[in-house]
Amino acid sequence: MSRIFQITDYYELVALHKTLMLVRFSRETDGLELSSSPYLAKIARQIVEVLNEMEAARGRSDQYNWIGPLEEKGERWGIAIRNAAQTQKDVWSKYSAVEKREVATIFLSPFTVNDEILDRFIQQVEEKLEG
């Protein structure tokens, strides 16, 4: 029989969110494989969705949006590119265009991304791998 892990406290969920963000977008290179985990990417997206629901229930959805865009000139963008280039260097060239987009989405989670952002991310990862 499997057990269910559940967090219903707002502050516990915020703490988990912050911890995941620190792990996924760390300046340190220890544990790079965590940034490429599709499981952690999915959990990170689920957490921000629940946090947004909690903010709406508190009447604060206009003040807090946990699912936001990623600043392309920001530190997390650069870290995500570094992580993708370092962890995918042996397989990146073998990926199809669709697979590259899927992998890019994992590295950018939980941020909101569109096709244009994904294309720029992929291009910058490829430039880093070539450089």
C-alpha atoms as a PDB file:
ATOM      1  CA  MET A   1       0.000   0.000   0.000  1.00  0.00           C
ATOM      2  CA  SER A   2       1.372   3.395  -0.957  1.00  0.00           C
ATOM      3  CA  ARG A   3       1.199   6.409   1.281  1.00  0.00           C
ATOM      4  CA  ILE A   4       0.116   9.852   0.120  1.00  0.00           C
ATOM      5  CA  PHE A   5       2.231  12.874   0.925  1.00  0.00           C
ATOM      6  CA  GLN A   6       0.188  16.037   1.190  1.00  0.00           C
ATOM      7  CA  ILE A   7       0.966  19.650   2.059  1.00  0.00           C
ATOM      8  CA  THR A   8      -1.969  21.904   2.788  1.00  0.00           C
ATOM      9  CA  ASP A   9      -0.254  24.662   4.775  1.00  0.00           C
ATOM     10  CA  TYR A  10       0.551  27.751   2.701  1.00  0.00           C
ATOM     11  CA  TYR A  11       3.878  28.469   4.405  1.00  0.00           C
ATOM     12  CA  GLU A  12       5.058  24.867   4.125  1.00  0.00           C
ATOM     13  CA  LEU A  13       4.284  24.970   0.413  1.00  0.00           C
ATOM     14  CA  VAL A  14       6.135  28.285   0.008  1.00  0.00           C
ATOM     15  CA  ALA A  15       9.139  26.747   1.789  1.00  0.00           C
ATOM     16  CA  LEU A  16       9.079  23.744  -0.548  1.00  0.00           C
ATOM     17  CA  HIS A  17       8.767  26.036  -3.571  1.00  0.00           C
ATOM     18  CA  LYS A  18      11.749  28.132  -2.488  1.00  0.00           C
ATOM     19  CA  THR A  19      13.795  25.011  -1.830  1.00  0.00           C
ATOM     20  CA  LEU A  20      13.044  23.606  -5.283  1.00  0.00           C
ATOM     21  CA  MET A  21      13.940  26.922  -6.909  1.00  0.00           C
ATOM     22  CA  LEU A  22      17.251  27.019  -5.038  1.00  0.00           C
ATOM     23  CA  VAL A  23      18.072  23.491  -6.146  1.00  0.00           C
ATOM     24  CA  ARG A  24      16.978  23.915  -9.752  1.00  0.00           C
ATOM     25  CA  PHE A  25      18.634  27.325 -10.269  1.00  0.00           C
ATOM     26  CA  SER A  26      21.679  27.058  -8.039  1.00  0.00           C
ATOM     27  CA  ARG A  27      24.881  28.963  -8.800  1.00  0.00           C
ATOM     28  CA  GLU A  28      26.732  25.888  -7.607  1.00  0.00           C
ATOM     29  CA  THR A  29      27.291  23.019  -9.998  1.00  0.00           C
ATOM     30  CA  ASP A  30      26.764  20.253  -7.450  1.00  0.00           C
ATOM     31  CA  GLY A  31      23.655  18.292  -8.253  1.00  0.00           C
ATOM     32  CA  LEU A  32      23.213  19.531 -11.816  1.00  0.00           C
ATOM     33  CA  GLU A  33      21.196  16.418 -12.597  1.00  0.00           C
ATOM     34  CA  LEU A  34      18.422  17.789 -10.377  1.00  0.00           C
ATOM     35  CA  SER A  35      17.862  20.670 -12.787  1.00  0.00           C
ATOM     36  CA  SER A  36      17.235  18.185 -15.590  1.00  0.00           C
ATOM     37  CA  SER A  37      14.745  16.070 -13.656  1.00  0.00           C
ATOM     38  CA  PRO A  38      11.345  15.941 -15.353  1.00  0.00           C
ATOM     39  CA  TYR A  39       9.916  14.874 -11.985  1.00  0.00           C
ATOM     40  CA  LEU A  40      11.163  17.990 -10.184  1.00  0.00           C
ATOM     41  CA  ALA A  41      10.028  20.155 -13.107  1.00  0.00           C
ATOM     42  CA  LYS A  42       6.515  18.706 -12.848  1.00  0.00           C
ATOM     43  CA  ILE A  43       6.446  19.114  -9.053  1.00  0.00           C
ATOM     44  CA  ALA A  44       7.643  22.728  -9.370  1.00  0.00           C
ATOM     45  CA  ARG A  45       4.822  23.499 -11.832  1.00  0.00           C
ATOM     46  CA  GLN A  46       2.242  21.854  -9.582  1.00  0.00           C
ATOM     47  CA  ILE A  47       3.439  23.823  -6.560  1.00  0.00           C
ATOM     48  CA  VAL A  48       3.136  27.202  -8.279  1.00  0.00           C
ATOM     49  CA  GLU A  49      -0.315  26.271  -9.573  1.00  0.00           C
ATOM     50  CA  VAL A  50      -1.473  25.424  -6.046  1.00  0.00           C
ATOM     51  CA  LEU A  51       0.149  28.575  -4.645  1.00  0.00           C
ATOM     52  CA  ASN A  52      -1.774  30.647  -7.203  1.00  0.00           C
ATOM     53  CA  GLU A  53      -4.995  28.895  -6.178  1.00  0.00           C
ATOM     54  CA  MET A  54      -4.221  29.627  -2.522  1.00  0.00           C
ATOM     55  CA  GLU A  55      -3.565  33.284  -3.334  1.00  0.00           C
ATOM     56  CA  ALA A  56      -6.897  33.491  -5.163  1.00  0.00           C
ATOM     57  CA  ALA A  57      -8.678  31.944  -2.188  1.00  0.00           C
ATOM     58  CA  ARG A  58      -7.077  34.598   0.027  1.00  0.00           C
ATOM     59  CA  GLY A  59      -8.206  37.341  -2.375  1.00  0.00           C
ATOM     60  CA  ARG A  60      -4.614  38.174  -3.282  1.00  0.00           C
ATOM     61  CA  SER A  61      -4.350  36.811  -6.807  1.00  0.00           C
ATOM     62  CA  ASP A  62      -3.803  40.290  -8.215  1.00  0.00           C
ATOM     63  CA  GLN A  63      -0.851  40.839  -5.845  1.00  0.00           C
ATOM     64  CA  TYR A  64       0.885  37.480  -6.151  1.00  0.00           C
ATOM     65  CA  ASN A  65       1.497  35.421  -9.260  1.00  0.00           C
ATOM     66  CA  TRP A  66       3.708  32.435  -8.620  1.00  0.00           C
ATOM     67  CA  ILE A  67       3.766  31.467 -12.305  1.00  0.00           C
ATOM     68  CA  GLY A  68       5.626  34.262 -13.957  1.00  0.00           C
ATOM     69  CA  PRO A  69       7.842  34.825 -16.951  1.00  0.00           C
ATOM     70  CA  LEU A  70      11.566  34.211 -16.738  1.00  0.00           C
ATOM     71  CA  GLU A  71      13.767  37.227 -17.403  1.00  0.00           C
ATOM     72  CA  GLU A  72      15.988  36.272 -20.318  1.00  0.00           C
ATOM     73  CA  LYS A  73      18.780  38.536 -19.136  1.00  0.00           C
ATOM     74  CA  GLY A  74      18.434  37.345 -15.554  1.00  0.00           C
ATOM     75  CA  GLU A  75      20.611  35.035 -13.518  1.00  0.00           C
ATOM     76  CA  ARG A  76      18.187  32.101 -13.569  1.00  0.00           C
ATOM     77  CA  TRP A  77      18.092  32.178 -17.379  1.00  0.00           C
ATOM     78  CA  GLY A  78      21.871  31.927 -17.516  1.00  0.00           C
ATOM     79  CA  ILE A  79      21.931  29.156 -14.942  1.00  0.00           C
ATOM     80  CA  ALA A  80      19.299  27.179 -16.867  1.00  0.00           C
ATOM     81  CA  ILE A  81      21.370  27.498 -20.064  1.00  0.00           C
ATOM     82  CA  ARG A  82      24.536  26.434 -18.246  1.00  0.00           C
ATOM     83  CA  ASN A  83      22.747  23.466 -16.673  1.00  0.00           C
ATOM     84  CA  ALA A  84      21.237  22.340 -19.963  1.00  0.00           C
ATOM     85  CA  ALA A  85      24.553  22.616 -21.801  1.00  0.00           C
ATOM     86  CA  GLN A  86      26.478  20.753 -19.113  1.00  0.00           C
ATOM     87  CA  THR A  87      24.008  17.952 -18.465  1.00  0.00           C
ATOM     88  CA  GLN A  88      22.912  17.400 -22.071  1.00  0.00           C
ATOM     89  CA  LYS A  89      26.237  17.846 -23.896  1.00  0.00           C
ATOM     90  CA  ASP A  90      26.527  14.172 -24.835  1.00  0.00           C
ATOM     91  CA  VAL A  91      22.978  13.816 -26.151  1.00  0.00           C
ATOM     92  CA  TRP A  92      21.835  17.280 -27.291  1.00  0.00           C
ATOM     93  CA  SER A  93      22.885  16.833 -30.922  1.00  0.00           C
ATOM     94  CA  LYS A  94      20.922  13.571 -31.088  1.00  0.00           C
ATOM     95  CA  TYR A  95      17.651  15.178 -30.013  1.00  0.00           C
ATOM     96  CA  SER A  96      14.997  16.073 -32.538  1.00  0.00           C
ATOM     97  CA  ALA A  97      13.584  19.607 -32.526  1.00  0.00           C
ATOM     98  CA  VAL A  98      10.575  18.357 -30.544  1.00  0.00           C
ATOM     99  CA  GLU A  99      12.791  16.646 -27.972  1.00  0.00           C
ATOM    100  CA  LYS A 100      14.900  19.798 -27.554  1.00  0.00           C
ATOM    101  CA  ARG A 101      11.739  21.767 -26.800  1.00  0.00           C
ATOM    102  CA  GLU A 102      10.657  19.170 -24.240  1.00  0.00           C
ATOM    103  CA  VAL A 103      14.063  19.265 -22.553  1.00  0.00           C
ATOM    104  CA  ALA A 104      14.107  23.082 -22.609  1.00  0.00           C
ATOM    105  CA  THR A 105      10.711  23.147 -20.905  1.00  0.00           C
ATOM    106  CA  ILE A 106      12.099  20.973 -18.111  1.00  0.00           C
ATOM    107  CA  PHE A 107      15.036  23.319 -17.511  1.00  0.00           C
ATOM    108  CA  LEU A 108      12.791  26.393 -17.528  1.00  0.00           C
ATOM    109  CA  SER A 109      10.086  24.986 -15.255  1.00  0.00           C
ATOM    110  CA  PRO A 110       8.117  26.340 -13.448  1.00  0.00           C
ATOM    111  CA  PHE A 111       8.304  29.546 -15.480  1.00  0.00           C
ATOM    112  CA  THR A 112       5.809  30.453 -18.168  1.00  0.00           C
ATOM    113  CA  VAL A 113       7.396  30.027 -21.584  1.00  0.00           C
ATOM    114  CA  ASN A 114       6.140  30.396 -25.118  1.00  0.00           C
ATOM    115  CA  ASP A 115       7.547  29.137 -28.417  1.00  0.00           C
ATOM    116  CA  GLU A 116       9.682  32.228 -28.926  1.00  0.00           C
ATOM    117  CA  ILE A 117      11.329  31.857 -25.519  1.00  0.00           C
ATOM    118  CA  LEU A 118      11.906  28.142 -26.096  1.00  0.00           C
ATOM    119  CA  ASP A 119      13.541  28.891 -29.455  1.00  0.00           C
ATOM    120  CA  ARG A 120      15.892  31.456 -27.903  1.00  0.00           C
ATOM    121  CA  PHE A 121      16.755  29.096 -25.074  1.00  0.00           C
ATOM    122  CA  ILE A 122      17.561  26.266 -27.485  1.00  0.00           C
ATOM    123  CA  GLN A 123      19.643  28.594 -29.628  1.00  0.00           C
ATOM    124  CA  GLN A 124      21.649  29.800 -26.625  1.00  0.00           C
ATOM    125  CA  VAL A 125      22.225  26.253 -25.370  1.00  0.00           C
ATOM    126  CA  GLU A 126      23.510  25.307 -28.820  1.00  0.00           C
ATOM    127  CA  GLU A 127      25.789  28.359 -28.915  1.00  0.00           C
ATOM    128  CA  LYS A 128      27.196  27.410 -25.507  1.00  0.00           C
ATOM    129  CA  LEU A 129      27.793  23.828 -26.663  1.00  0.00           C
ATOM    130  CA  GLU A 130      29.570  25.043 -29.818  1.00  0.00           C
ATOM    131  CA  GLY A 131      31.655  27.611 -27.906  1.00  0.00           C
END
